Amino acid sequence: MEAALASTDEVVLDGAGQLGVVSPHMDDAVLSCGRVLSAHPGAQVVTVFSGGPPRVAKLPPWDRKSGHFKPGDDVMKARALEDEEALALAGAGSHRLGLWDAQYRGWRAPASRAVTSALVSKLNGALLWLADRGLADELYARLRATVEALDARTWLVPLGLAHIDHRLTARACLRLAHEVAGRKWVAYEDLPYGALRPTDLVRAKRRAYRSGFRLEGARFAHEGSTSQKAALLACYRSQLPCLGLEAEVALESPEVFHLLVKRG
């Protein structure tokens, strides 16, 4: 089946018609598609998990690691301002679905210091998968309504690597690709995960294949420069300390795309 996951042919995409990008979080569109966004002003970015509590009384690990927030802050409002700055610099439109980020849906502080962070992560992940089964339908409904309301005819969507929010978003996008006609659907390899987790990448391609698609290698005829992408990424000041070297990986790695083609 490996040979069927992706073809060796390459489709050249010209970005004709307005471009749409589905981003799991505020920053993912730039991390994975920043060069393409730089070269296509007027693109429309739809961010799925862009919400959270108005006050974060007890910061979860990611927000603590940032060093930009203190207990009681409206973290997502601050992040939205960064996102607006980046997308304005790219000349892109912004649409947020407002669903809560996973760290607010399911994070639980460890009851004991003897509980390792790895174990807490696994337990929280299992709880999220159970809780998020109902979320998937709401995600799909909101995303479909937004996609159908926009003029974009070529949509860049995540393959869905590693993070639960990426996987939920990818699942909804694959369903959209089956059910919403008149659009071209192009999957991007989520960065930095695509460059760092080859096993996750293979699994994501298999999920797309099992969902009824083959992947054709694709690239855009026009892309911006690494320096342009760096300028967009620099806007996410609160996220760069959390990303660390992974931000450099996303910046220096190629942006990889696959045209989704229905099988049979």
Protein backbone atom coordinates (compact mmCIF):
# COMPACT_ATOMS: atom_id res chain seq x y z
CA MET A 1 0.00 0.00 0.00
CA GLU A 2 2.95 2.35 0.56
CA ALA A 3 3.27 3.06 -3.17
CA ALA A 4 -0.38 3.99 -3.31
CA LEU A 5 -0.12 6.61 -0.57
CA ALA A 6 1.45 9.17 -2.88
CA SER A 7 2.40 9.24 -6.54
CA THR A 8 5.74 10.36 -7.92
CA ASP A 9 4.00 12.77 -10.32
CA GLU A 10 4.03 16.44 -9.39
CA VAL A 11 1.13 18.80 -9.88
CA VAL A 12 2.03 22.49 -10.26
CA LEU A 13 -0.51 24.73 -8.56
CA ASP A 14 -0.79 28.34 -9.67
CA GLY A 15 -3.07 29.50 -6.86
CA ALA A 16 -5.58 30.77 -9.42
CA GLY A 17 -8.73 31.94 -7.73
CA GLN A 18 -8.66 32.89 -4.09
CA LEU A 19 -6.63 30.60 -1.85
CA GLY A 20 -7.99 29.23 1.43
CA VAL A 21 -5.99 27.73 4.28
CA VAL A 22 -7.41 25.71 7.17
CA SER A 23 -5.23 26.17 10.25
CA PRO A 24 -5.74 24.05 13.39
CA HIS A 25 -4.28 26.79 15.64
CA MET A 26 -3.25 30.41 15.38
CA ASP A 27 0.27 30.04 13.92
CA ASP A 28 -0.12 26.73 12.05
CA ALA A 29 -0.93 28.36 8.71
CA VAL A 30 2.31 30.34 8.90
CA LEU A 31 4.39 27.44 10.25
CA SER A 32 3.28 25.10 7.45
CA CYS A 33 2.36 27.44 4.57
CA GLY A 34 4.09 30.75 5.31
CA ARG A 35 5.97 30.94 2.01
CA VAL A 36 2.81 30.24 0.02
CA LEU A 37 0.85 32.81 2.02
CA SER A 38 3.57 35.40 1.35
CA ALA A 39 3.20 34.87 -2.40
CA HIS A 40 -0.62 34.90 -2.47
CA PRO A 41 -2.02 38.06 -0.86
CA GLY A 42 -5.76 37.85 -0.48
CA ALA A 43 -5.68 34.28 0.86
CA GLN A 44 -8.30 33.43 3.49
CA VAL A 45 -7.13 31.67 6.66
CA VAL A 46 -9.69 29.76 8.73
CA THR A 47 -8.44 28.91 12.21
CA VAL A 48 -10.32 26.14 13.97
CA PHE A 49 -9.10 25.98 17.58
CA SER A 50 -8.88 29.68 18.30
CA GLY A 51 -10.84 29.91 21.56
CA GLY A 52 -10.36 29.41 25.26
CA PRO A 53 -11.48 30.75 28.63
CA PRO A 54 -11.51 34.54 29.03
CA ARG A 55 -9.34 34.12 32.10
CA VAL A 56 -6.82 31.31 32.50
CA ALA A 57 -6.68 31.05 36.28
CA LYS A 58 -4.13 28.23 36.29
CA LEU A 59 -1.84 28.25 33.31
CA PRO A 60 -1.40 24.90 31.56
CA PRO A 61 2.18 23.82 30.71
CA TRP A 62 2.30 25.37 27.22
CA ASP A 63 1.19 28.80 28.44
CA ARG A 64 3.61 28.64 31.39
CA LYS A 65 6.47 27.74 29.07
CA SER A 66 5.72 30.78 26.96
CA GLY A 67 6.82 33.16 29.70
CA HIS A 68 4.44 35.78 28.28
CA PHE A 69 1.43 35.05 30.44
CA LYS A 70 0.45 35.14 34.10
CA PRO A 71 -2.54 33.50 35.84
CA GLY A 72 -5.75 35.35 35.04
CA ASP A 73 -4.66 36.52 31.59
CA ASP A 74 -6.89 36.27 28.52
CA VAL A 75 -4.31 34.18 26.69
CA MET A 76 -6.25 33.57 23.49
CA LYS A 77 -7.06 37.25 23.05
CA ALA A 78 -3.34 38.04 23.19
CA ARG A 79 -2.59 35.26 20.73
CA ALA A 80 -5.34 36.48 18.39
CA LEU A 81 -3.68 39.90 18.24
CA GLU A 82 -0.42 38.25 17.22
CA ASP A 83 -2.23 36.22 14.60
CA GLU A 84 -3.94 39.31 13.19
CA GLU A 85 -0.55 41.02 12.91
CA ALA A 86 0.97 38.08 11.01
CA LEU A 87 -1.96 37.62 8.62
CA ALA A 88 -2.19 41.35 7.94
CA LEU A 89 1.49 41.31 7.03
CA ALA A 90 0.76 38.46 4.59
CA GLY A 91 -2.26 40.32 3.20
CA ALA A 92 -4.49 37.42 4.30
CA GLY A 93 -8.02 37.44 5.64
CA SER A 94 -8.78 35.86 9.00
CA HIS A 95 -11.74 33.72 10.08
CA ARG A 96 -11.86 32.04 13.48
CA LEU A 97 -14.22 29.23 14.44
CA GLY A 98 -13.68 29.81 18.16
CA LEU A 99 -13.43 26.18 19.29
CA TRP A 100 -11.35 25.73 22.43
CA ASP A 101 -7.70 24.73 22.15
CA ALA A 102 -7.02 21.21 23.49
CA GLN A 103 -5.01 22.50 26.42
CA TYR A 104 -8.16 24.18 27.77
CA ARG A 105 -10.54 21.34 26.89
CA GLY A 106 -8.69 18.60 28.68
CA TRP A 107 -5.60 19.66 30.58
CA ARG A 108 -5.41 18.40 34.15
CA ALA A 109 -2.61 19.29 36.54
CA PRO A 110 -0.80 16.23 37.97
CA ALA A 111 -2.00 15.37 41.45
CA SER A 112 1.46 14.34 42.54
CA ARG A 113 5.00 15.24 41.60
CA ALA A 114 5.61 11.52 41.30
CA VAL A 115 3.38 11.49 38.21
CA THR A 116 5.57 12.05 35.17
CA SER A 117 4.66 14.63 32.56
CA ALA A 118 4.75 11.88 29.91
CA LEU A 119 2.13 9.86 31.80
CA VAL A 120 -0.04 12.93 32.34
CA SER A 121 0.16 13.67 28.63
CA LYS A 122 -0.96 10.14 27.74
CA LEU A 123 -3.83 10.20 30.22
CA ASN A 124 -5.00 13.59 29.06
CA GLY A 125 -4.76 12.44 25.44
CA ALA A 126 -6.97 9.43 26.13
CA LEU A 127 -9.55 11.61 27.87
CA LEU A 128 -9.54 14.07 25.00
CA TRP A 129 -10.19 11.38 22.40
CA LEU A 130 -13.26 10.29 24.36
CA ALA A 131 -14.52 13.82 24.97
CA ASP A 132 -13.83 15.05 21.46
CA ARG A 133 -15.96 12.51 19.64
CA GLY A 134 -18.88 14.92 20.01
CA LEU A 135 -16.71 17.90 19.10
CA ALA A 136 -15.95 16.46 15.67
CA ASP A 137 -19.48 17.07 14.35
CA GLU A 138 -19.53 20.66 15.61
CA LEU A 139 -16.11 21.27 14.07
CA TYR A 140 -17.26 19.93 10.72
CA ALA A 141 -20.47 21.99 10.71
CA ARG A 142 -18.70 25.26 11.52
CA LEU A 143 -15.88 24.60 9.07
CA ARG A 144 -18.22 23.65 6.24
CA ALA A 145 -20.35 26.76 6.71
CA THR A 146 -17.25 28.97 6.61
CA VAL A 147 -15.71 27.26 3.57
CA GLU A 148 -18.96 27.46 1.63
CA ALA A 149 -19.31 31.16 2.46
CA LEU A 150 -15.88 32.04 1.05
CA ASP A 151 -14.85 32.38 -2.60
CA ALA A 152 -11.65 30.36 -2.29
CA ARG A 153 -11.47 27.52 -4.80
CA THR A 154 -8.16 25.97 -3.73
CA TRP A 155 -8.00 24.91 -0.09
CA LEU A 156 -4.87 23.97 1.83
CA VAL A 157 -5.71 21.62 4.69
CA PRO A 158 -3.55 19.79 7.26
CA LEU A 159 -2.66 16.14 6.89
CA GLY A 160 -3.14 16.00 10.66
CA LEU A 161 0.12 15.06 12.37
CA ALA A 162 0.79 14.34 16.04
CA HIS A 163 -1.44 16.85 17.87
CA ILE A 164 -5.05 15.89 18.57
CA ASP A 165 -6.34 19.25 17.27
CA HIS A 166 -4.48 18.72 14.00
CA ARG A 167 -5.95 15.25 13.65
CA LEU A 168 -9.50 16.40 14.37
CA THR A 169 -9.12 19.21 11.84
CA ALA A 170 -7.70 16.87 9.21
CA ARG A 171 -10.58 14.42 9.68
CA ALA A 172 -13.13 17.20 9.11
CA CYS A 173 -11.21 18.42 6.04
CA LEU A 174 -11.15 14.96 4.47
CA ARG A 175 -14.91 14.81 4.94
CA LEU A 176 -15.25 18.24 3.34
CA ALA A 177 -13.15 17.11 0.39
CA HIS A 178 -15.65 14.32 -0.21
CA GLU A 179 -18.80 16.35 0.27
CA VAL A 180 -18.13 19.92 -0.91
CA ALA A 181 -17.84 20.18 -4.69
CA GLY A 182 -16.19 22.84 -6.81
CA ARG A 183 -13.00 23.10 -4.75
CA LYS A 184 -9.49 21.79 -5.15
CA TRP A 185 -8.22 20.19 -1.95
CA VAL A 186 -4.51 20.19 -1.17
CA ALA A 187 -3.09 18.63 2.00
CA TYR A 188 -0.04 20.17 3.61
CA GLU A 189 2.44 18.37 5.83
CA ASP A 190 2.06 19.99 9.24
CA LEU A 191 5.31 21.68 10.26
CA PRO A 192 7.39 21.16 12.30
CA TYR A 193 5.87 17.69 12.83
CA GLY A 194 6.29 16.63 9.20
CA ALA A 195 10.04 17.22 9.37
CA LEU A 196 10.54 15.64 12.79
CA ARG A 197 8.12 12.71 12.99
CA PRO A 198 8.31 10.52 9.88
CA THR A 199 6.22 7.77 11.48
CA ASP A 200 3.38 10.23 12.16
CA LEU A 201 3.63 11.41 8.57
CA VAL A 202 3.20 7.88 7.22
CA ARG A 203 0.23 7.32 9.52
CA ALA A 204 -1.42 10.54 8.37
CA LYS A 205 -1.01 9.55 4.72
CA ARG A 206 -2.54 6.18 5.49
CA ARG A 207 -5.53 7.87 7.12
CA ALA A 208 -6.04 9.94 3.98
CA TYR A 209 -5.79 6.81 1.84
CA ARG A 210 -8.28 4.91 4.01
CA SER A 211 -10.59 7.93 3.74
CA GLY A 212 -10.72 7.41 -0.02
CA PHE A 213 -7.94 9.61 -1.38
CA ARG A 214 -4.66 9.12 -3.12
CA LEU A 215 -2.02 11.81 -2.71
CA GLU A 216 -0.37 13.43 -5.70
CA GLY A 217 2.78 15.43 -5.07
CA ALA A 218 2.13 19.13 -5.60
CA ARG A 219 3.98 22.43 -5.46
CA PHE A 220 3.06 26.04 -6.03
CA ALA A 221 4.44 27.90 -9.00
CA HIS A 222 4.99 30.92 -6.77
CA GLU A 223 6.30 30.91 -3.20
CA GLY A 224 7.72 33.62 -0.99
CA SER A 225 11.18 33.59 0.55
CA THR A 226 12.38 32.18 3.84
CA SER A 227 12.94 35.75 5.08
CA GLN A 228 9.31 36.61 4.31
CA LYS A 229 8.15 33.57 6.24
CA ALA A 230 10.47 34.52 9.11
CA ALA A 231 8.84 37.96 9.30
CA LEU A 232 5.40 36.35 9.60
CA LEU A 233 6.58 33.86 12.21
CA ALA A 234 8.21 36.61 14.29
CA CYS A 235 4.74 38.04 14.97
CA TYR A 236 3.92 35.04 17.19
CA ARG A 237 6.04 36.36 20.06
CA SER A 238 4.30 34.37 22.79
CA GLN A 239 4.66 31.09 20.90
CA LEU A 240 8.30 31.22 19.84
CA PRO A 241 9.68 30.36 23.31
CA CYS A 242 7.42 27.28 23.39
CA LEU A 243 8.40 26.18 19.90
CA GLY A 244 12.13 26.68 20.51
CA LEU A 245 14.21 24.96 17.85
CA GLU A 246 11.04 23.59 16.26
CA ALA A 247 10.37 27.10 14.94
CA GLU A 248 13.70 26.97 13.10
CA VAL A 249 12.80 23.54 11.73
CA ALA A 250 9.51 24.89 10.38
CA LEU A 251 11.29 27.90 8.91
CA GLU A 252 14.06 26.01 7.15
CA SER A 253 12.09 22.94 6.03
CA PRO A 254 10.38 22.83 2.63
CA GLU A 255 6.63 23.32 2.63
CA VAL A 256 5.28 20.06 1.25
CA PHE A 257 1.88 19.68 -0.42
CA HIS A 258 -0.23 16.81 -1.78
CA LEU A 259 -3.24 17.13 -4.05
CA LEU A 260 -6.12 15.06 -2.67
CA VAL A 261 -7.56 12.92 -5.46
CA LYS A 262 -10.59 10.71 -4.87
CA ARG A 263 -9.86 7.04 -5.46
CA GLY A 264 -12.11 5.05 -7.76
